């Protein structure tokens, strides 16, 4: 397990959640709740996929004894 991918696994959700919240609030102020729902869900999905990719890299490194 490399330190870099482990840090990414933790940092991606922690850094993207405030960004997703702020984008949702800004779109909500514009008065477009339907658009907000789609944009925020898509951003959350991308953040989740990025965290899972980093996690899978960590897991494969751990299984290959590359600690």
Protein backbone atom coordinates (compact mmCIF):
# COMPACT_ATOMS: atom_id res chain seq x y z
CA UNK A 1 0.00 0.00 0.00
CA UNK A 2 1.50 3.24 -1.05
CA UNK A 3 0.94 6.27 1.09
CA UNK A 4 -0.17 8.40 -1.83
CA UNK A 5 -3.14 6.23 -2.83
CA UNK A 6 -4.14 5.80 0.80
CA UNK A 7 -4.18 9.58 1.25
CA UNK A 8 -6.27 9.91 -1.92
CA UNK A 9 -8.73 7.33 -0.60
CA UNK A 10 -9.29 9.52 2.46
CA UNK A 11 -8.93 12.94 0.85
CA UNK A 12 -11.24 12.58 -2.14
CA UNK A 13 -14.49 12.30 -0.13
CA UNK A 14 -13.33 14.87 2.43
CA UNK A 15 -12.45 17.46 -0.20
CA UNK A 16 -15.31 16.91 -2.61
CA UNK A 17 -18.16 16.92 -0.10
CA UNK A 18 -17.95 20.67 0.69
CA UNK A 19 -17.61 21.40 -3.03
CA UNK A 20 -20.70 19.34 -3.84
CA UNK A 21 -22.61 21.09 -1.06
CA UNK A 22 -21.61 24.57 -2.25
CA UNK A 23 -22.50 23.82 -5.87
CA UNK A 24 -25.89 22.52 -4.74
CA UNK A 25 -26.54 25.65 -2.67
CA UNK A 26 -25.51 27.97 -5.51
CA UNK A 27 -27.79 26.22 -7.98
CA UNK A 28 -30.58 26.25 -5.41
CA UNK A 29 -30.28 30.02 -5.08
CA UNK A 30 -30.69 30.27 -8.82
CA UNK A 31 -34.09 28.64 -8.35
CA UNK A 32 -33.50 25.46 -10.33
CA UNK A 33 -34.10 22.52 -7.98
CA UNK A 34 -34.40 19.95 -10.78
CA UNK A 35 -31.02 20.93 -12.23
CA UNK A 36 -29.48 20.97 -8.76
CA UNK A 37 -30.54 17.42 -8.12
CA UNK A 38 -29.00 16.15 -11.34
CA UNK A 39 -25.74 18.09 -11.05
CA UNK A 40 -25.14 17.27 -7.41
CA UNK A 41 -25.93 13.58 -7.88
CA UNK A 42 -23.57 13.38 -10.86
CA UNK A 43 -20.78 15.12 -8.91
CA UNK A 44 -21.28 12.80 -5.95
CA UNK A 45 -21.15 9.78 -8.23
CA UNK A 46 -17.88 10.94 -9.78
CA UNK A 47 -16.37 11.53 -6.32
CA UNK A 48 -17.50 8.10 -5.17
CA UNK A 49 -16.06 6.40 -8.24
CA UNK A 50 -12.74 8.22 -7.78
CA UNK A 51 -12.56 7.10 -4.15
CA UNK A 52 -13.36 3.50 -5.14
CA UNK A 53 -10.65 3.50 -7.81
CA UNK A 54 -8.12 4.66 -5.24
CA UNK A 55 -9.40 2.04 -2.79
CA UNK A 56 -9.13 -0.74 -5.36
CA UNK A 57 -5.53 0.25 -6.11
CA UNK A 58 -4.77 0.10 -2.38
CA UNK A 59 -6.49 -3.26 -2.08
CA UNK A 60 -4.63 -4.79 -5.01
CA UNK A 61 -1.31 -3.52 -3.65
CA UNK A 62 -2.14 -5.02 -0.28
CA UNK A 63 -3.02 -8.39 -1.82
CA UNK A 64 0.23 -8.44 -3.77
CA UNK A 65 2.18 -7.78 -0.54
CA UNK A 66 3.46 -4.45 -1.81
CA UNK A 67 3.24 -2.86 1.59
